[in-house]
Amino acid sequence: MSQEDALEKSVYQIKVQGRLDERWSGCFSGLALTCQSDATILTGPVADQSALRGILSKLWDLNLVLISVIRLSA
């Protein structure tokens, strides 16, 4: 199994500083958004490394501070 196959359809939890409104969910490939007092957590399946890179790029473009990226399961 290649590394790319192993990462396909993995579930990720991405935490950023600040609060994103639920309306942003559609911009992040349908990831679920959970707001905390000072952070937002995006959770859900990510198709592959390219899709993950796209999500991280959107967060960068929004000038959000990345706190963590955790791969929960494959």
PDB file of N, CA and C in Angstrom:
ATOM      1  N   MET A   1       0.851  -1.178   0.000  1.00  0.00           N
ATOM      2  CA  MET A   1       0.000   0.000   0.000  1.00  0.00           C
ATOM      3  C   MET A   1       0.898   1.243   0.000  1.00  0.00           C
ATOM      4  N   SER A   2       0.621   2.148  -0.910  1.00  0.00           N
ATOM      5  CA  SER A   2       1.418   3.375  -0.992  1.00  0.00           C
ATOM      6  C   SER A   2       1.011   4.343   0.105  1.00  0.00           C
ATOM      7  N   GLN A   3       1.883   5.316   0.352  1.00  0.00           N
ATOM      8  CA  GLN A   3       1.579   6.315   1.383  1.00  0.00           C
ATOM      9  C   GLN A   3       0.323   7.090   1.007  1.00  0.00           C
ATOM     10  N   GLU A   4       0.153   7.380  -0.273  1.00  0.00           N
ATOM     11  CA  GLU A   4      -1.028   8.129  -0.718  1.00  0.00           C
ATOM     12  C   GLU A   4      -2.300   7.340  -0.450  1.00  0.00           C
ATOM     13  N   ASP A   5      -2.284   6.011  -0.716  1.00  0.00           N
ATOM     14  CA  ASP A   5      -3.457   5.179  -0.446  1.00  0.00           C
ATOM     15  C   ASP A   5      -3.784   5.143   1.037  1.00  0.00           C
ATOM     16  N   ALA A   6      -2.744   5.106   1.876  1.00  0.00           N
ATOM     17  CA  ALA A   6      -2.952   5.044   3.322  1.00  0.00           C
ATOM     18  C   ALA A   6      -3.606   6.306   3.846  1.00  0.00           C
ATOM     19  N   LEU A   7      -3.335   7.451   3.220  1.00  0.00           N
ATOM     20  CA  LEU A   7      -3.879   8.710   3.698  1.00  0.00           C
ATOM     21  C   LEU A   7      -5.251   9.022   3.114  1.00  0.00           C
ATOM     22  N   GLU A   8      -5.657   8.261   2.083  1.00  0.00           N
ATOM     23  CA  GLU A   8      -6.923   8.530   1.427  1.00  0.00           C
ATOM     24  C   GLU A   8      -8.089   8.345   2.397  1.00  0.00           C
ATOM     25  N   LYS A   9      -9.003   9.287   2.386  1.00  0.00           N
ATOM     26  CA  LYS A   9     -10.212   9.285   3.216  1.00  0.00           C
ATOM     27  C   LYS A   9      -9.906   9.257   4.714  1.00  0.00           C
ATOM     28  N   SER A  10      -8.831   9.850   5.114  1.00  0.00           N
ATOM     29  CA  SER A  10      -8.523   9.961   6.534  1.00  0.00           C
ATOM     30  C   SER A  10      -9.408  11.031   7.165  1.00  0.00           C
ATOM     31  N   VAL A  11      -9.699  10.853   8.443  1.00  0.00           N
ATOM     32  CA  VAL A  11     -10.465  11.848   9.194  1.00  0.00           C
ATOM     33  C   VAL A  11      -9.472  12.732   9.935  1.00  0.00           C
ATOM     34  N   TYR A  12      -9.621  14.034   9.765  1.00  0.00           N
ATOM     35  CA  TYR A  12      -8.723  15.003  10.380  1.00  0.00           C
ATOM     36  C   TYR A  12      -9.471  15.919  11.326  1.00  0.00           C
ATOM     37  N   GLN A  13      -8.726  16.429  12.294  1.00  0.00           N
ATOM     38  CA  GLN A  13      -9.216  17.474  13.193  1.00  0.00           C
ATOM     39  C   GLN A  13      -8.217  18.626  13.071  1.00  0.00           C
ATOM     40  N   ILE A  14      -8.717  19.761  12.579  1.00  0.00           N
ATOM     41  CA  ILE A  14      -7.873  20.930  12.346  1.00  0.00           C
ATOM     42  C   ILE A  14      -8.362  22.048  13.258  1.00  0.00           C
ATOM     43  N   LYS A  15      -7.466  22.557  14.085  1.00  0.00           N
ATOM     44  CA  LYS A  15      -7.845  23.594  15.054  1.00  0.00           C
ATOM     45  C   LYS A  15      -7.168  24.902  14.678  1.00  0.00           C
ATOM     46  N   VAL A  16      -7.975  25.967  14.604  1.00  0.00           N
ATOM     47  CA  VAL A  16      -7.459  27.298  14.288  1.00  0.00           C
ATOM     48  C   VAL A  16      -7.879  28.289  15.364  1.00  0.00           C
ATOM     49  N   GLN A  17      -7.084  29.309  15.515  1.00  0.00           N
ATOM     50  CA  GLN A  17      -7.402  30.372  16.474  1.00  0.00           C
ATOM     51  C   GLN A  17      -8.515  31.229  15.889  1.00  0.00           C
ATOM     52  N   GLY A  18      -9.449  31.625  16.743  1.00  0.00           N
ATOM     53  CA  GLY A  18     -10.564  32.461  16.306  1.00  0.00           C
ATOM     54  C   GLY A  18     -11.815  31.632  16.078  1.00  0.00           C
ATOM     55  N   ARG A  19     -12.905  32.341  15.844  1.00  0.00           N
ATOM     56  CA  ARG A  19     -14.192  31.673  15.663  1.00  0.00           C
ATOM     57  C   ARG A  19     -14.688  31.852  14.247  1.00  0.00           C
ATOM     58  N   LEU A  20     -15.017  30.730  13.610  1.00  0.00           N
ATOM     59  CA  LEU A  20     -15.628  30.745  12.286  1.00  0.00           C
ATOM     60  C   LEU A  20     -17.108  30.422  12.435  1.00  0.00           C
ATOM     61  N   ASP A  21     -17.946  31.154  11.736  1.00  0.00           N
ATOM     62  CA  ASP A  21     -19.376  30.902  11.730  1.00  0.00           C
ATOM     63  C   ASP A  21     -19.655  29.603  10.969  1.00  0.00           C
ATOM     64  N   GLU A  22     -20.736  28.920  11.308  1.00  0.00           N
ATOM     65  CA  GLU A  22     -21.125  27.663  10.659  1.00  0.00           C
ATOM     66  C   GLU A  22     -21.279  27.826   9.141  1.00  0.00           C
ATOM     67  N   ARG A  23     -21.545  29.037   8.685  1.00  0.00           N
ATOM     68  CA  ARG A  23     -21.687  29.282   7.246  1.00  0.00           C
ATOM     69  C   ARG A  23     -20.415  28.950   6.474  1.00  0.00           C
ATOM     70  N   TRP A  24     -19.283  28.913   7.138  1.00  0.00           N
ATOM     71  CA  TRP A  24     -18.015  28.612   6.476  1.00  0.00           C
ATOM     72  C   TRP A  24     -17.865  27.130   6.164  1.00  0.00           C
ATOM     73  N   SER A  25     -18.713  26.285   6.720  1.00  0.00           N
ATOM     74  CA  SER A  25     -18.595  24.838   6.546  1.00  0.00           C
ATOM     75  C   SER A  25     -18.528  24.442   5.071  1.00  0.00           C
ATOM     76  N   GLY A  26     -19.326  25.054   4.238  1.00  0.00           N
ATOM     77  CA  GLY A  26     -19.328  24.742   2.814  1.00  0.00           C
ATOM     78  C   GLY A  26     -18.022  25.059   2.122  1.00  0.00           C
ATOM     79  N   CYS A  27     -17.284  25.988   2.651  1.00  0.00           N
ATOM     80  CA  CYS A  27     -15.987  26.372   2.067  1.00  0.00           C
ATOM     81  C   CYS A  27     -14.891  25.380   2.419  1.00  0.00           C
ATOM     82  N   PHE A  28     -15.154  24.501   3.353  1.00  0.00           N
ATOM     83  CA  PHE A  28     -14.142  23.546   3.802  1.00  0.00           C
ATOM     84  C   PHE A  28     -14.595  22.116   3.558  1.00  0.00           C
ATOM     85  N   SER A  29     -15.074  21.864   2.353  1.00  0.00           N
ATOM     86  CA  SER A  29     -15.436  20.514   1.909  1.00  0.00           C
ATOM     87  C   SER A  29     -16.382  19.795   2.857  1.00  0.00           C
ATOM     88  N   GLY A  30     -17.283  20.537   3.493  1.00  0.00           N
ATOM     89  CA  GLY A  30     -18.274  19.938   4.368  1.00  0.00           C
ATOM     90  C   GLY A  30     -17.765  19.489   5.721  1.00  0.00           C
ATOM     91  N   LEU A  31     -16.577  19.929   6.116  1.00  0.00           N
ATOM     92  CA  LEU A  31     -16.079  19.579   7.442  1.00  0.00           C
ATOM     93  C   LEU A  31     -16.987  20.200   8.497  1.00  0.00           C
ATOM     94  N   ALA A  32     -17.182  19.490   9.590  1.00  0.00           N
ATOM     95  CA  ALA A  32     -17.990  20.007  10.692  1.00  0.00           C
ATOM     96  C   ALA A  32     -17.181  21.046  11.461  1.00  0.00           C
ATOM     97  N   LEU A  33     -17.812  22.170  11.778  1.00  0.00           N
ATOM     98  CA  LEU A  33     -17.161  23.228  12.542  1.00  0.00           C
ATOM     99  C   LEU A  33     -17.694  23.222  13.966  1.00  0.00           C
ATOM    100  N   THR A  34     -16.782  23.247  14.933  1.00  0.00           N
ATOM    101  CA  THR A  34     -17.127  23.335  16.339  1.00  0.00           C
ATOM    102  C   THR A  34     -16.397  24.528  16.916  1.00  0.00           C
ATOM    103  N   CYS A  35     -17.142  25.470  17.477  1.00  0.00           N
ATOM    104  CA  CYS A  35     -16.520  26.665  18.038  1.00  0.00           C
ATOM    105  C   CYS A  35     -16.295  26.502  19.530  1.00  0.00           C
ATOM    106  N   GLN A  36     -15.119  26.926  19.954  1.00  0.00           N
ATOM    107  CA  GLN A  36     -14.783  27.014  21.363  1.00  0.00           C
ATOM    108  C   GLN A  36     -14.683  28.498  21.683  1.00  0.00           C
ATOM    109  N   SER A  37     -14.322  28.831  22.882  1.00  0.00           N
ATOM    110  CA  SER A  37     -14.285  30.242  23.267  1.00  0.00           C
ATOM    111  C   SER A  37     -13.333  31.061  22.408  1.00  0.00           C
ATOM    112  N   ASP A  38     -12.193  30.507  22.045  1.00  0.00           N
ATOM    113  CA  ASP A  38     -11.212  31.271  21.284  1.00  0.00           C
ATOM    114  C   ASP A  38     -10.657  30.517  20.081  1.00  0.00           C
ATOM    115  N   ALA A  39     -11.329  29.421  19.687  1.00  0.00           N
ATOM    116  CA  ALA A  39     -10.825  28.608  18.588  1.00  0.00           C
ATOM    117  C   ALA A  39     -11.976  27.933  17.857  1.00  0.00           C
ATOM    118  N   THR A  40     -11.674  27.442  16.656  1.00  0.00           N
ATOM    119  CA  THR A  40     -12.624  26.671  15.869  1.00  0.00           C
ATOM    120  C   THR A  40     -11.952  25.358  15.498  1.00  0.00           C
ATOM    121  N   ILE A  41     -12.706  24.267  15.597  1.00  0.00           N
ATOM    122  CA  ILE A  41     -12.196  22.957  15.216  1.00  0.00           C
ATOM    123  C   ILE A  41     -12.983  22.472  14.013  1.00  0.00           C
ATOM    124  N   LEU A  42     -12.263  22.113  12.951  1.00  0.00           N
ATOM    125  CA  LEU A  42     -12.857  21.545  11.743  1.00  0.00           C
ATOM    126  C   LEU A  42     -12.564  20.058  11.775  1.00  0.00           C
ATOM    127  N   THR A  43     -13.600  19.232  11.650  1.00  0.00           N
ATOM    128  CA  THR A  43     -13.432  17.785  11.746  1.00  0.00           C
ATOM    129  C   THR A  43     -14.179  17.096  10.615  1.00  0.00           C
ATOM    130  N   GLY A  44     -13.529  16.098  10.018  1.00  0.00           N
ATOM    131  CA  GLY A  44     -14.201  15.307   9.004  1.00  0.00           C
ATOM    132  C   GLY A  44     -13.243  14.617   8.082  1.00  0.00           C
ATOM    133  N   PRO A  45     -13.796  13.837   7.145  1.00  0.00           N
ATOM    134  CA  PRO A  45     -12.950  13.107   6.204  1.00  0.00           C
ATOM    135  C   PRO A  45     -12.336  14.045   5.170  1.00  0.00           C
ATOM    136  N   VAL A  46     -11.099  13.747   4.835  1.00  0.00           N
ATOM    137  CA  VAL A  46     -10.369  14.500   3.808  1.00  0.00           C
ATOM    138  C   VAL A  46      -9.919  13.481   2.772  1.00  0.00           C
ATOM    139  N   ALA A  47     -10.237  13.727   1.521  1.00  0.00           N
ATOM    140  CA  ALA A  47     -10.024  12.746   0.452  1.00  0.00           C
ATOM    141  C   ALA A  47      -8.575  12.300   0.310  1.00  0.00           C
ATOM    142  N   ASP A  48      -7.642  13.259   0.333  1.00  0.00           N
ATOM    143  CA  ASP A  48      -6.237  12.923   0.137  1.00  0.00           C
ATOM    144  C   ASP A  48      -5.366  14.110   0.538  1.00  0.00           C
ATOM    145  N   GLN A  49      -4.065  13.977   0.344  1.00  0.00           N
ATOM    146  CA  GLN A  49      -3.135  15.024   0.741  1.00  0.00           C
ATOM    147  C   GLN A  49      -3.377  16.323  -0.016  1.00  0.00           C
ATOM    148  N   SER A  50      -3.782  16.218  -1.263  1.00  0.00           N
ATOM    149  CA  SER A  50      -4.081  17.405  -2.056  1.00  0.00           C
ATOM    150  C   SER A  50      -5.258  18.178  -1.461  1.00  0.00           C
ATOM    151  N   ALA A  51      -6.280  17.457  -1.040  1.00  0.00           N
ATOM    152  CA  ALA A  51      -7.449  18.096  -0.425  1.00  0.00           C
ATOM    153  C   ALA A  51      -7.070  18.735   0.911  1.00  0.00           C
ATOM    154  N   LEU A  52      -6.223  18.057   1.679  1.00  0.00           N
ATOM    155  CA  LEU A  52      -5.766  18.615   2.950  1.00  0.00           C
ATOM    156  C   LEU A  52      -4.988  19.902   2.703  1.00  0.00           C
ATOM    157  N   ARG A  53      -4.136  19.890   1.713  1.00  0.00           N
ATOM    158  CA  ARG A  53      -3.361  21.085   1.356  1.00  0.00           C
ATOM    159  C   ARG A  53      -4.307  22.232   0.967  1.00  0.00           C
ATOM    160  N   GLY A  54      -5.367  21.922   0.238  1.00  0.00           N
ATOM    161  CA  GLY A  54      -6.341  22.937  -0.153  1.00  0.00           C
ATOM    162  C   GLY A  54      -7.032  23.565   1.041  1.00  0.00           C
ATOM    163  N   ILE A  55      -7.406  22.736   2.020  1.00  0.00           N
ATOM    164  CA  ILE A  55      -8.046  23.244   3.239  1.00  0.00           C
ATOM    165  C   ILE A  55      -7.088  24.149   3.999  1.00  0.00           C
ATOM    166  N   LEU A  56      -5.849  23.697   4.156  1.00  0.00           N
ATOM    167  CA  LEU A  56      -4.855  24.493   4.876  1.00  0.00           C
ATOM    168  C   LEU A  56      -4.563  25.799   4.147  1.00  0.00           C
ATOM    169  N   SER A  57      -4.575  25.766   2.823  1.00  0.00           N
ATOM    170  CA  SER A  57      -4.363  26.992   2.041  1.00  0.00           C
ATOM    171  C   SER A  57      -5.501  27.989   2.248  1.00  0.00           C
ATOM    172  N   LYS A  58      -6.741  27.495   2.321  1.00  0.00           N
ATOM    173  CA  LYS A  58      -7.881  28.384   2.579  1.00  0.00           C
ATOM    174  C   LYS A  58      -7.760  29.048   3.947  1.00  0.00           C
ATOM    175  N   LEU A  59      -7.339  28.259   4.930  1.00  0.00           N
ATOM    176  CA  LEU A  59      -7.152  28.817   6.275  1.00  0.00           C
ATOM    177  C   LEU A  59      -6.060  29.888   6.247  1.00  0.00           C
ATOM    178  N   TRP A  60      -4.995  29.632   5.513  1.00  0.00           N
ATOM    179  CA  TRP A  60      -3.902  30.603   5.350  1.00  0.00           C
ATOM    180  C   TRP A  60      -4.431  31.880   4.692  1.00  0.00           C
ATOM    181  N   ASP A  61      -5.217  31.708   3.613  1.00  0.00           N
ATOM    182  CA  ASP A  61      -5.772  32.863   2.890  1.00  0.00           C
ATOM    183  C   ASP A  61      -6.688  33.698   3.779  1.00  0.00           C
ATOM    184  N   LEU A  62      -7.354  33.057   4.750  1.00  0.00           N
ATOM    185  CA  LEU A  62      -8.222  33.772   5.685  1.00  0.00           C
ATOM    186  C   LEU A  62      -7.432  34.380   6.841  1.00  0.00           C
ATOM    187  N   ASN A  63      -6.109  34.187   6.806  1.00  0.00           N
ATOM    188  CA  ASN A  63      -5.210  34.738   7.822  1.00  0.00           C
ATOM    189  C   ASN A  63      -5.524  34.190   9.220  1.00  0.00           C
ATOM    190  N   LEU A  64      -5.913  32.909   9.263  1.00  0.00           N
ATOM    191  CA  LEU A  64      -6.195  32.256  10.535  1.00  0.00           C
ATOM    192  C   LEU A  64      -4.931  31.573  11.045  1.00  0.00           C
ATOM    193  N   VAL A  65      -4.750  31.592  12.346  1.00  0.00           N
ATOM    194  CA  VAL A  65      -3.587  30.962  12.969  1.00  0.00           C
ATOM    195  C   VAL A  65      -3.886  29.481  13.184  1.00  0.00           C
ATOM    196  N   LEU A  66      -3.062  28.635  12.600  1.00  0.00           N
ATOM    197  CA  LEU A  66      -3.204  27.196  12.741  1.00  0.00           C
ATOM    198  C   LEU A  66      -2.652  26.749  14.094  1.00  0.00           C
ATOM    199  N   ILE A  67      -3.477  26.057  14.872  1.00  0.00           N
ATOM    200  CA  ILE A  67      -3.050  25.566  16.186  1.00  0.00           C
ATOM    201  C   ILE A  67      -2.582  24.114  16.078  1.00  0.00           C
ATOM    202  N   SER A  68      -3.385  23.277  15.389  1.00  0.00           N
ATOM    203  CA  SER A  68      -3.000  21.871  15.259  1.00  0.00           C
ATOM    204  C   SER A  68      -3.713  21.207  14.086  1.00  0.00           C
ATOM    205  N   VAL A  69      -3.084  20.133  13.593  1.00  0.00           N
ATOM    206  CA  VAL A  69      -3.681  19.255  12.596  1.00  0.00           C
ATOM    207  C   VAL A  69      -3.452  17.840  13.104  1.00  0.00           C
ATOM    208  N   ILE A  70      -4.543  17.114  13.345  1.00  0.00           N
ATOM    209  CA  ILE A  70      -4.437  15.762  13.890  1.00  0.00           C
ATOM    210  C   ILE A  70      -5.176  14.798  12.971  1.00  0.00           C
ATOM    211  N   ARG A  71      -4.500  13.741  12.576  1.00  0.00           N
ATOM    212  CA  ARG A  71      -5.143  12.684  11.794  1.00  0.00           C
ATOM    213  C   ARG A  71      -5.769  11.698  12.791  1.00  0.00           C
ATOM    214  N   LEU A  72      -7.090  11.647  12.809  1.00  0.00           N
ATOM    215  CA  LEU A  72      -7.798  10.823  13.776  1.00  0.00           C
ATOM    216  C   LEU A  72      -7.891   9.360  13.344  1.00  0.00           C
ATOM    217  N   SER A  73      -8.134   9.131  12.044  1.00  0.00           N
ATOM    218  CA  SER A  73      -8.242   7.756  11.548  1.00  0.00           C
ATOM    219  C   SER A  73      -8.087   7.735  10.038  1.00  0.00           C
ATOM    220  N   ALA A  74      -7.785   6.539   9.551  1.00  0.00           N
ATOM    221  CA  ALA A  74      -7.651   6.350   8.104  1.00  0.00           C
ATOM    222  C   ALA A  74      -8.870   5.629   7.566  1.00  0.00           C
TER     223      ALA A  74
END
